[in-house]
Amino acid sequence: MFELFSEQQRPLSVGEISRHLSIPQPSASMLLRNLRALGYLDYDETGRRYSPTLRLPFLVSWISRRFDRVGLMMPLLERLFRQVGDTVFVGMQNRASAQYILVMKPEQPAMLITSGMHRSLTVSAMGAMLLSLKPDEEIRRWVARCNAEADDPRVQVRTSEYLDRIATIRTNRYAETAGEITPGVGAIAIAIACPLNGTPLAVGVGGTVERLARDRPAIVRALRAIEAHFAAEQGLPHEVNADHGMAAERSARRALFGHRPGALAEQMRPLDRPGVAAR
């Protein structure tokens, strides 16, 4: 629901929320009333619309302060958006999916994605980039899981061919897709360590395959600037092997959160910089 408010950036009625979230209106009404009672939503009696209150940003203000230690991400992403003039996204692994957690789009984007949307790890540029940071044996397990959960044959991949692709990503330090799922639309992505806790994130640019092919060098340079910023601020090398990547990631975590064994174990894998991906 809060992602819907972020996307719409305006007060919303119960009917609108029910329609956008595809939930029954009585269920939406109950959820909204509870959130209003907790102080997360305000209600305009005249317009009969809900909007988030200031309690939300205050609730997560500590996250912004953590990000301040290495430079705010938003100004970097806004600069990237101005440079490329096309869709910019940040994503993370969420089980067997890559999930968009922030999306900036032009008025008429070629890449139709929204914050919160999921893509299979194995078919998206950001998913391939994030998988490239893991050992091959673990990648095999994720490929098997993604193939088993796929409801569309187009998103199933052959393990041997996918590992060949991962090797290329590790060499190039970025990943790219070119219309495999949506004809004519692709993405280019790299990886950074989240300033908050070291979890790998994918940062990418989406657009038409033709545009990405034409402007690939400039797009990769712009993405590299973001990669370099976070690597320098967190004391991480640009290119490290798997063992050094794990050590660097652990150091970043200790610096920000202190040692926390087992935290986010499934997603906090070696930050093996040789592999950075695209959608």
Protein backbone atom coordinates (compact mmCIF):
# COMPACT_ATOMS: atom_id res chain seq x y z
CA MET A 1 0.00 0.00 0.00
CA PHE A 2 2.75 2.45 0.89
CA GLU A 3 4.46 1.65 -2.43
CA LEU A 4 1.19 2.63 -4.11
CA PHE A 5 1.25 6.00 -2.35
CA SER A 6 4.88 6.40 -3.40
CA GLU A 7 3.98 5.67 -7.01
CA GLN A 8 0.86 7.86 -7.15
CA GLN A 9 2.22 10.67 -4.93
CA ARG A 10 -1.26 11.93 -4.03
CA PRO A 11 -4.10 11.15 -1.60
CA LEU A 12 -6.11 8.05 -2.55
CA SER A 13 -9.66 6.90 -1.94
CA VAL A 14 -10.63 3.47 -0.65
CA GLY A 15 -11.92 2.55 -4.09
CA GLU A 16 -8.69 3.54 -5.79
CA ILE A 17 -6.60 1.58 -3.31
CA SER A 18 -8.88 -1.44 -3.63
CA ARG A 19 -8.64 -1.34 -7.42
CA HIS A 20 -4.87 -0.82 -7.63
CA LEU A 21 -4.08 -3.53 -5.08
CA SER A 22 -6.76 -5.94 -6.38
CA ILE A 23 -8.23 -6.53 -2.93
CA PRO A 24 -11.90 -6.38 -1.82
CA GLN A 25 -13.03 -2.90 -0.78
CA PRO A 26 -14.09 -4.04 2.73
CA SER A 27 -10.59 -5.45 3.28
CA ALA A 28 -9.01 -2.22 2.04
CA SER A 29 -11.29 -0.18 4.33
CA MET A 30 -10.34 -2.24 7.38
CA LEU A 31 -6.62 -1.97 6.62
CA LEU A 32 -6.85 1.79 6.09
CA ARG A 33 -8.79 2.31 9.32
CA ASN A 34 -6.20 0.34 11.28
CA LEU A 35 -3.29 2.26 9.76
CA ARG A 36 -5.08 5.54 10.46
CA ALA A 37 -5.59 4.50 14.10
CA LEU A 38 -1.86 3.76 14.36
CA GLY A 39 -1.02 7.21 13.03
CA TYR A 40 0.44 6.13 9.66
CA LEU A 41 -2.37 7.58 7.55
CA ASP A 42 -4.39 10.78 7.59
CA TYR A 43 -7.98 10.96 6.33
CA ASP A 44 -9.58 13.92 4.61
CA GLU A 45 -13.25 13.82 5.61
CA THR A 46 -14.23 16.20 2.80
CA GLY A 47 -12.41 14.52 -0.07
CA ARG A 48 -12.70 11.04 1.49
CA ARG A 49 -9.09 10.27 0.72
CA TYR A 50 -6.17 8.86 2.67
CA SER A 51 -2.55 10.02 2.65
CA PRO A 52 0.57 9.01 4.62
CA THR A 53 1.53 11.03 7.69
CA LEU A 54 4.96 12.23 8.77
CA ARG A 55 5.19 9.26 11.11
CA LEU A 56 6.43 7.14 8.20
CA PRO A 57 9.59 9.12 7.31
CA PHE A 58 10.36 9.59 11.02
CA LEU A 59 9.96 5.86 11.56
CA VAL A 60 12.77 5.07 9.10
CA SER A 61 14.86 8.21 9.59
CA TRP A 62 17.64 6.10 11.11
CA ILE A 63 18.09 4.43 7.70
CA SER A 64 18.65 7.82 6.06
CA ARG A 65 21.23 8.67 8.71
CA ARG A 66 23.08 5.43 7.95
CA PHE A 67 23.08 6.28 4.26
CA ASP A 68 24.45 9.73 5.06
CA ARG A 69 27.66 8.08 6.22
CA VAL A 70 28.59 7.19 2.64
CA GLY A 71 26.70 9.84 0.71
CA LEU A 72 23.03 9.86 -0.14
CA MET A 73 22.01 7.45 -2.87
CA MET A 74 19.16 9.55 -4.25
CA PRO A 75 21.31 12.42 -5.61
CA LEU A 76 23.50 9.86 -7.39
CA LEU A 77 20.49 8.14 -8.93
CA GLU A 78 18.91 11.45 -9.91
CA ARG A 79 22.13 12.44 -11.65
CA LEU A 80 22.20 9.08 -13.44
CA PHE A 81 18.58 9.62 -14.50
CA ARG A 82 19.46 13.03 -15.95
CA GLN A 83 22.49 11.60 -17.73
CA VAL A 84 20.73 8.69 -19.44
CA GLY A 85 17.23 10.16 -19.78
CA ASP A 86 15.71 6.71 -19.43
CA THR A 87 14.44 4.34 -16.74
CA VAL A 88 16.76 3.95 -13.75
CA PHE A 89 16.21 1.26 -11.13
CA VAL A 90 17.63 -0.26 -7.97
CA GLY A 91 16.89 -3.88 -7.12
CA MET A 92 17.71 -6.57 -4.61
CA GLN A 93 17.29 -10.31 -4.27
CA ASN A 94 14.06 -11.45 -2.66
CA ARG A 95 14.14 -15.25 -2.49
CA ALA A 96 14.07 -16.56 -6.08
CA SER A 97 13.21 -13.13 -7.48
CA ALA A 98 14.93 -9.87 -8.17
CA GLN A 99 12.73 -7.08 -6.84
CA TYR A 100 12.72 -3.46 -7.94
CA ILE A 101 12.88 -1.33 -4.81
CA LEU A 102 13.23 2.07 -6.52
CA VAL A 103 12.30 3.11 -10.05
CA MET A 104 12.71 6.43 -11.85
CA LYS A 105 10.95 6.70 -15.21
CA PRO A 106 10.64 9.26 -18.01
CA GLU A 107 7.19 10.32 -19.14
CA GLN A 108 7.06 7.64 -21.84
CA PRO A 109 9.26 4.78 -20.66
CA ALA A 110 10.06 1.80 -22.85
CA MET A 111 10.60 -0.35 -19.78
CA LEU A 112 7.29 -0.76 -17.96
CA ILE A 113 8.26 -1.54 -14.37
CA THR A 114 7.20 -0.25 -10.97
CA SER A 115 8.70 -0.28 -7.51
CA GLY A 116 7.88 -3.56 -5.78
CA MET A 117 7.65 -5.57 -9.00
CA HIS A 118 9.39 -8.96 -9.09
CA ARG A 119 11.38 -10.63 -11.87
CA SER A 120 12.85 -14.13 -11.86
CA LEU A 121 16.49 -14.01 -10.78
CA THR A 122 17.64 -15.82 -13.89
CA VAL A 123 15.96 -13.70 -16.59
CA SER A 124 16.49 -10.12 -15.40
CA ALA A 125 19.67 -8.13 -15.74
CA MET A 126 19.65 -7.20 -12.06
CA GLY A 127 19.04 -10.83 -11.09
CA ALA A 128 21.90 -12.10 -13.24
CA MET A 129 24.17 -9.42 -11.79
CA LEU A 130 23.32 -10.39 -8.23
CA LEU A 131 23.71 -14.10 -8.99
CA SER A 132 27.12 -13.48 -10.53
CA LEU A 133 28.36 -12.50 -7.07
CA LYS A 134 27.69 -16.01 -5.75
CA PRO A 135 29.68 -19.26 -6.14
CA ASP A 136 28.74 -21.40 -9.14
CA GLU A 137 27.37 -24.21 -6.99
CA GLU A 138 24.94 -21.83 -5.33
CA ILE A 139 23.95 -20.40 -8.72
CA ARG A 140 23.08 -23.93 -9.87
CA ARG A 141 20.68 -24.25 -6.94
CA TRP A 142 19.02 -20.91 -7.70
CA VAL A 143 18.66 -21.84 -11.39
CA ALA A 144 16.98 -25.10 -10.43
CA ARG A 145 14.62 -23.29 -8.07
CA CYS A 146 13.76 -20.54 -10.57
CA ASN A 147 13.08 -23.13 -13.29
CA ALA A 148 10.86 -25.14 -10.94
CA GLU A 149 8.83 -22.06 -9.97
CA ALA A 150 8.53 -20.68 -13.51
CA ASP A 151 5.02 -20.63 -14.97
CA ASP A 152 6.28 -19.46 -18.36
CA PRO A 153 8.74 -21.58 -20.40
CA ARG A 154 10.45 -18.38 -21.57
CA VAL A 155 11.88 -17.78 -18.10
CA GLN A 156 13.44 -21.22 -17.81
CA VAL A 157 17.16 -21.43 -18.54
CA ARG A 158 19.74 -24.17 -19.15
CA THR A 159 22.22 -24.34 -16.31
CA SER A 160 25.32 -24.78 -18.47
CA GLU A 161 24.37 -21.90 -20.77
CA TYR A 162 23.50 -19.70 -17.82
CA LEU A 163 26.87 -20.32 -16.15
CA ASP A 164 28.54 -19.32 -19.42
CA ARG A 165 26.57 -16.09 -19.26
CA ILE A 166 27.62 -15.58 -15.63
CA ALA A 167 31.27 -15.96 -16.67
CA THR A 168 30.80 -13.19 -19.24
CA ILE A 169 29.13 -10.95 -16.65
CA ARG A 170 32.05 -11.46 -14.27
CA THR A 171 34.47 -10.50 -17.02
CA ASN A 172 32.52 -7.42 -18.12
CA ARG A 173 31.47 -6.43 -14.58
CA TYR A 174 27.99 -5.61 -15.85
CA ALA A 175 24.99 -7.63 -17.05
CA GLU A 176 22.71 -6.92 -19.98
CA THR A 177 19.42 -8.21 -21.34
CA ALA A 178 18.14 -7.56 -24.85
CA GLY A 179 14.47 -8.34 -25.27
CA GLU A 180 14.45 -11.89 -23.93
CA ILE A 181 11.17 -11.33 -22.04
CA THR A 182 9.78 -8.06 -23.38
CA PRO A 183 10.57 -7.77 -27.12
CA GLY A 184 12.63 -4.71 -27.92
CA VAL A 185 13.28 -3.80 -24.27
CA GLY A 186 16.35 -4.54 -22.17
CA ALA A 187 18.55 -3.29 -19.36
CA ILE A 188 22.14 -2.89 -18.23
CA ALA A 189 23.03 -3.28 -14.54
CA ILE A 190 25.97 -3.21 -12.15
CA ALA A 191 26.22 -4.12 -8.46
CA ILE A 192 27.02 -2.13 -5.35
CA ALA A 193 27.11 -2.95 -1.65
CA CYS A 194 24.20 -1.37 0.20
CA PRO A 195 25.54 1.39 2.50
CA LEU A 196 23.11 0.23 5.16
CA ASN A 197 24.32 -3.33 5.72
CA GLY A 198 26.49 -4.45 2.84
CA THR A 199 23.75 -6.43 1.09
CA PRO A 200 24.41 -6.48 -2.67
CA LEU A 201 22.12 -4.24 -4.70
CA ALA A 202 21.77 -3.94 -8.46
CA VAL A 203 21.64 -0.50 -10.09
CA GLY A 204 20.60 -0.37 -13.71
CA VAL A 205 19.26 1.47 -16.72
CA GLY A 206 16.38 0.16 -18.85
CA GLY A 207 15.26 1.16 -22.32
CA THR A 208 14.91 -0.03 -25.88
CA VAL A 209 17.43 -2.62 -27.06
CA GLU A 210 18.43 -0.29 -29.90
CA ARG A 211 19.12 2.62 -27.55
CA LEU A 212 21.06 0.45 -25.06
CA ALA A 213 23.25 -0.96 -27.83
CA ARG A 214 23.93 2.50 -29.24
CA ASP A 215 24.73 4.17 -25.92
CA ARG A 216 26.20 1.19 -24.03
CA PRO A 217 29.65 2.76 -23.39
CA ALA A 218 28.14 5.96 -21.95
CA ILE A 219 25.59 4.08 -19.85
CA VAL A 220 28.23 1.73 -18.44
CA ARG A 221 30.50 4.70 -17.59
CA ALA A 222 27.63 6.40 -15.75
CA LEU A 223 26.88 3.21 -13.80
CA ARG A 224 30.58 2.75 -13.05
CA ALA A 225 30.67 6.18 -11.42
CA ILE A 226 28.03 5.03 -8.90
CA GLU A 227 29.88 1.76 -8.34
CA ALA A 228 33.13 3.64 -7.74
CA HIS A 229 31.49 6.06 -5.31
CA PHE A 230 30.18 3.34 -3.01
CA ALA A 231 33.31 1.21 -3.32
CA ALA A 232 35.53 4.15 -2.35
CA GLU A 233 33.33 5.35 0.51
CA GLN A 234 33.11 1.85 1.99
CA GLY A 235 36.74 0.98 1.43
CA LEU A 236 35.93 -1.78 -1.06
CA PRO A 237 38.11 -2.55 -4.11
CA HIS A 238 36.50 -2.33 -7.55
CA GLU A 239 37.58 -5.85 -8.50
CA VAL A 240 38.08 -8.61 -5.96
CA ASN A 241 37.86 -12.38 -5.99
CA ALA A 242 35.18 -14.30 -4.12
CA ASP A 243 37.20 -14.70 -0.91
CA HIS A 244 38.18 -11.03 -0.81
CA GLY A 245 34.63 -10.07 -1.69
CA MET A 246 33.25 -11.90 1.34
CA ALA A 247 35.86 -10.29 3.60
CA ALA A 248 35.08 -6.83 2.21
CA GLU A 249 31.36 -7.35 2.68
CA ARG A 250 31.85 -8.47 6.27
CA SER A 251 34.02 -5.41 6.96
CA ALA A 252 31.36 -3.11 5.56
CA ARG A 253 28.74 -4.76 7.75
CA ARG A 254 30.81 -4.41 10.90
CA ALA A 255 31.45 -0.75 10.15
CA LEU A 256 27.74 -0.02 9.82
CA PHE A 257 25.92 -2.55 11.99
CA GLY A 258 28.53 -4.37 14.04
CA HIS A 259 29.02 -8.12 13.79
CA ARG A 260 25.71 -9.93 13.41
CA PRO A 261 26.20 -13.61 12.55
CA GLY A 262 23.58 -15.08 10.28
CA ALA A 263 21.87 -11.79 9.44
CA LEU A 264 20.24 -12.01 6.03
CA ALA A 265 22.37 -15.09 5.38
CA GLU A 266 20.48 -16.11 2.28
CA GLN A 267 21.06 -12.85 0.45
CA MET A 268 24.40 -11.68 1.89
CA ARG A 269 26.81 -13.53 -0.36
CA PRO A 270 30.34 -12.71 -1.56
CA LEU A 271 30.52 -9.29 -3.17
CA ASP A 272 32.57 -10.72 -6.03
CA ARG A 273 33.03 -7.52 -7.99
CA PRO A 274 33.99 -9.20 -11.27
CA GLY A 275 30.31 -9.84 -11.90
CA VAL A 276 27.87 -6.98 -12.29
CA ALA A 277 24.58 -7.41 -14.08
CA ALA A 278 21.86 -5.94 -16.27
CA ARG A 279 18.16 -6.66 -16.50
